[in-house]
Amino acid sequence: MNLSHRLTYADVNDLIQQDVDFKSVTQIEQSIERFVQWYRDYYEIPTTTDI
């Protein structure tokens, strides 16, 4: 098994909070859902329930 290209995900929340005094109060899942809804609304893309 070649492990040289394995994906890793760093948890940088503490570093961001320390460096720029920012702490997110929204979970990533909710943020993505909101972004997708905004994108569909902005570009007038119907959802599957609108078709």
N, C-alpha and C. Protein backbone atom coordinates (compact mmCIF):
# COMPACT_ATOMS: atom_id res chain seq x y z
N MET A 1 0.84 -1.18 0.00
CA MET A 1 0.00 0.00 0.00
C MET A 1 0.89 1.24 0.00
N ASN A 2 0.61 2.15 -0.93
CA ASN A 2 1.36 3.39 -1.03
C ASN A 2 0.70 4.45 -0.16
N LEU A 3 1.35 4.86 0.91
CA LEU A 3 0.79 5.82 1.84
C LEU A 3 1.27 7.25 1.57
N SER A 4 2.04 7.44 0.52
CA SER A 4 2.60 8.77 0.28
C SER A 4 1.55 9.78 -0.18
N HIS A 5 0.40 9.32 -0.64
CA HIS A 5 -0.65 10.22 -1.13
C HIS A 5 -1.91 10.15 -0.28
N ARG A 6 -1.78 9.72 0.95
CA ARG A 6 -2.94 9.61 1.83
C ARG A 6 -3.43 11.00 2.22
N LEU A 7 -4.75 11.19 2.19
CA LEU A 7 -5.33 12.47 2.59
C LEU A 7 -5.33 12.60 4.10
N THR A 8 -5.08 13.79 4.56
CA THR A 8 -5.18 14.09 5.98
C THR A 8 -5.97 15.38 6.15
N TYR A 9 -6.59 15.50 7.28
CA TYR A 9 -7.39 16.68 7.58
C TYR A 9 -6.94 17.23 8.92
N ALA A 10 -6.50 18.45 8.92
CA ALA A 10 -6.01 19.07 10.14
C ALA A 10 -7.14 19.82 10.84
N ASP A 11 -7.19 19.71 12.13
CA ASP A 11 -8.13 20.49 12.93
C ASP A 11 -7.40 21.76 13.35
N VAL A 12 -7.74 22.86 12.69
CA VAL A 12 -7.03 24.13 12.94
C VAL A 12 -7.90 25.13 13.70
N ASN A 13 -8.99 24.68 14.25
CA ASN A 13 -9.90 25.58 14.95
C ASN A 13 -9.21 26.36 16.07
N ASP A 14 -8.42 25.69 16.88
CA ASP A 14 -7.72 26.37 17.97
C ASP A 14 -6.72 27.40 17.44
N LEU A 15 -6.02 27.05 16.37
CA LEU A 15 -5.05 27.98 15.80
C LEU A 15 -5.73 29.22 15.23
N ILE A 16 -6.84 29.03 14.55
CA ILE A 16 -7.56 30.17 13.99
C ILE A 16 -8.07 31.07 15.11
N GLN A 17 -8.62 30.45 16.13
CA GLN A 17 -9.14 31.24 17.25
C GLN A 17 -8.03 32.05 17.90
N GLN A 18 -6.86 31.45 18.08
CA GLN A 18 -5.73 32.16 18.71
C GLN A 18 -5.18 33.26 17.80
N ASP A 19 -5.02 32.97 16.51
CA ASP A 19 -4.38 33.91 15.59
C ASP A 19 -5.26 35.10 15.22
N VAL A 20 -6.52 34.86 14.96
CA VAL A 20 -7.38 35.95 14.47
C VAL A 20 -8.60 36.16 15.34
N ASP A 21 -8.64 35.51 16.48
CA ASP A 21 -9.74 35.66 17.42
C ASP A 21 -11.10 35.37 16.77
N PHE A 22 -11.15 34.27 16.02
CA PHE A 22 -12.39 33.86 15.37
C PHE A 22 -12.77 32.47 15.84
N LYS A 23 -14.03 32.29 16.18
CA LYS A 23 -14.53 30.98 16.53
C LYS A 23 -15.89 30.80 15.86
N SER A 24 -15.98 29.82 14.99
CA SER A 24 -17.22 29.56 14.28
C SER A 24 -18.27 28.99 15.22
N VAL A 25 -19.49 29.45 15.07
CA VAL A 25 -20.59 28.91 15.88
C VAL A 25 -21.49 28.02 15.04
N THR A 26 -21.19 27.90 13.75
CA THR A 26 -21.98 27.09 12.84
C THR A 26 -21.21 25.83 12.46
N GLN A 27 -21.87 24.70 12.53
CA GLN A 27 -21.25 23.44 12.13
C GLN A 27 -21.07 23.42 10.62
N ILE A 28 -20.05 22.71 10.15
CA ILE A 28 -19.73 22.67 8.72
C ILE A 28 -20.90 22.12 7.90
N GLU A 29 -21.61 21.14 8.42
CA GLU A 29 -22.73 20.57 7.69
C GLU A 29 -23.81 21.62 7.44
N GLN A 30 -24.10 22.42 8.45
CA GLN A 30 -25.10 23.47 8.32
C GLN A 30 -24.60 24.57 7.38
N SER A 31 -23.33 24.88 7.44
CA SER A 31 -22.76 25.90 6.56
C SER A 31 -22.86 25.48 5.10
N ILE A 32 -22.55 24.23 4.82
CA ILE A 32 -22.64 23.74 3.44
C ILE A 32 -24.08 23.76 2.96
N GLU A 33 -25.00 23.33 3.80
CA GLU A 33 -26.41 23.34 3.44
C GLU A 33 -26.89 24.76 3.13
N ARG A 34 -26.49 25.72 3.94
CA ARG A 34 -26.88 27.12 3.70
C ARG A 34 -26.27 27.66 2.42
N PHE A 35 -25.01 27.32 2.17
CA PHE A 35 -24.35 27.77 0.94
C PHE A 35 -25.05 27.22 -0.29
N VAL A 36 -25.36 25.94 -0.27
CA VAL A 36 -26.03 25.31 -1.41
C VAL A 36 -27.38 25.97 -1.65
N GLN A 37 -28.12 26.24 -0.60
CA GLN A 37 -29.42 26.90 -0.75
C GLN A 37 -29.25 28.30 -1.31
N TRP A 38 -28.27 29.05 -0.81
CA TRP A 38 -28.01 30.38 -1.34
C TRP A 38 -27.66 30.30 -2.82
N TYR A 39 -26.79 29.38 -3.20
CA TYR A 39 -26.33 29.23 -4.58
C TYR A 39 -27.52 28.93 -5.50
N ARG A 40 -28.37 28.00 -5.08
CA ARG A 40 -29.55 27.66 -5.89
C ARG A 40 -30.49 28.85 -6.03
N ASP A 41 -30.67 29.58 -4.96
CA ASP A 41 -31.53 30.75 -5.01
C ASP A 41 -30.93 31.84 -5.92
N TYR A 42 -29.66 32.10 -5.74
CA TYR A 42 -28.99 33.17 -6.48
C TYR A 42 -28.99 32.89 -7.98
N TYR A 43 -28.69 31.64 -8.35
CA TYR A 43 -28.62 31.27 -9.76
C TYR A 43 -29.93 30.67 -10.28
N GLU A 44 -30.97 30.77 -9.45
CA GLU A 44 -32.30 30.29 -9.81
C GLU A 44 -32.29 28.85 -10.32
N ILE A 45 -31.64 28.00 -9.57
CA ILE A 45 -31.57 26.59 -9.89
C ILE A 45 -32.62 25.87 -9.07
N PRO A 46 -33.56 25.18 -9.74
CA PRO A 46 -34.62 24.50 -8.98
C PRO A 46 -34.07 23.31 -8.19
N THR A 47 -34.66 23.08 -7.06
CA THR A 47 -34.31 21.88 -6.31
C THR A 47 -35.08 20.73 -6.91
N THR A 48 -34.74 19.53 -6.53
CA THR A 48 -35.40 18.35 -7.10
C THR A 48 -36.88 18.32 -6.74
N THR A 49 -37.25 18.96 -5.66
CA THR A 49 -38.67 18.98 -5.29
C THR A 49 -39.43 20.02 -6.08
N ASP A 50 -38.72 20.96 -6.74
CA ASP A 50 -39.36 22.01 -7.54
C ASP A 50 -39.60 21.56 -8.98
N ILE A 51 -39.01 20.47 -9.38
CA ILE A 51 -39.11 20.01 -10.77
C ILE A 51 -40.41 19.26 -11.00
